[in-house]
Amino acid sequence: MKIFGQIIDIDELTIPYTNISLYVNGKPSNFGTITDLDGKFSLSDNTINPDSEFIISYVGFKNQIFK
């Protein structure tokens, strides 16, 4: 499965170098990525499933969890 997107702040400004971590079955995996200069990311792995969670983290911001 593949996911992709762009990380933006409340003012719709992109956030480069944001960490995106994959959690499978509620446990952290060894898989993740960071956004590029435009805040864009892409993850592709066969361990990603509809129940996977993604933790978005960046210094100075509250972590966000997405399914």
Protein backbone atom coordinates (compact mmCIF):
# COMPACT_ATOMS: atom_id res chain seq x y z
CA MET A 1 0.00 0.00 0.00
CA LYS A 2 1.18 3.54 -0.65
CA ILE A 3 0.29 6.80 1.07
CA PHE A 4 1.38 10.29 0.14
CA GLY A 5 0.55 13.85 1.06
CA GLN A 6 1.76 17.25 2.10
CA ILE A 7 2.16 18.61 5.62
CA ILE A 8 1.01 22.19 6.17
CA ASP A 9 0.47 24.38 9.22
CA ILE A 10 -2.65 26.30 10.24
CA ASP A 11 -1.66 29.14 7.87
CA GLU A 12 -1.35 26.60 5.01
CA LEU A 13 2.43 27.01 4.88
CA THR A 14 4.38 23.84 4.09
CA ILE A 15 6.53 22.29 6.81
CA PRO A 16 9.77 20.77 5.48
CA TYR A 17 11.64 17.98 7.30
CA THR A 18 8.60 16.79 9.26
CA ASN A 19 8.90 13.24 10.64
CA ILE A 20 6.30 10.65 9.61
CA SER A 21 6.42 7.35 11.51
CA LEU A 22 4.39 4.23 10.79
CA TYR A 23 2.70 2.29 13.59
CA VAL A 24 1.36 -1.19 12.82
CA ASN A 25 -1.06 -2.86 15.27
CA GLY A 26 -0.39 -0.05 17.75
CA LYS A 27 3.36 -0.65 17.79
CA PRO A 28 6.08 1.46 16.17
CA SER A 29 7.65 -0.03 13.08
CA ASN A 30 11.11 0.61 11.71
CA PHE A 31 9.55 2.44 8.78
CA GLY A 32 9.02 6.15 8.23
CA THR A 33 10.16 9.16 6.26
CA ILE A 34 10.55 12.93 6.38
CA THR A 35 8.94 15.54 4.19
CA ASP A 36 10.87 17.31 1.45
CA LEU A 37 11.36 21.08 1.13
CA ASP A 38 7.76 21.44 -0.08
CA GLY A 39 6.34 19.44 2.86
CA LYS A 40 5.55 16.47 0.59
CA PHE A 41 6.05 12.82 1.49
CA SER A 42 5.41 9.35 0.13
CA LEU A 43 5.48 5.99 1.92
CA SER A 44 5.18 2.64 0.19
CA ASP A 45 5.45 -0.64 2.09
CA ASN A 46 3.55 -3.91 2.22
CA THR A 47 3.14 -3.59 6.02
CA ILE A 48 0.89 -0.51 5.57
CA ASN A 49 -2.75 -1.52 5.95
CA PRO A 50 -6.07 0.29 6.56
CA ASP A 51 -5.54 0.02 10.33
CA SER A 52 -2.05 1.54 10.27
CA GLU A 53 -1.44 4.76 12.16
CA PHE A 54 0.91 7.52 11.16
CA ILE A 55 2.51 9.84 13.69
CA ILE A 56 3.39 13.28 12.33
CA SER A 57 5.96 15.06 14.49
CA TYR A 58 7.96 18.28 14.26
CA VAL A 59 9.85 20.29 16.87
CA GLY A 60 7.61 22.98 18.36
CA PHE A 61 4.36 21.34 17.21
CA LYS A 62 2.05 18.86 18.93
CA ASN A 63 2.28 15.34 17.46
CA GLN A 64 -0.67 14.33 15.28
CA ILE A 65 -1.94 10.77 14.77
CA PHE A 66 -3.72 9.74 11.57
CA LYS A 67 -5.26 6.49 10.37
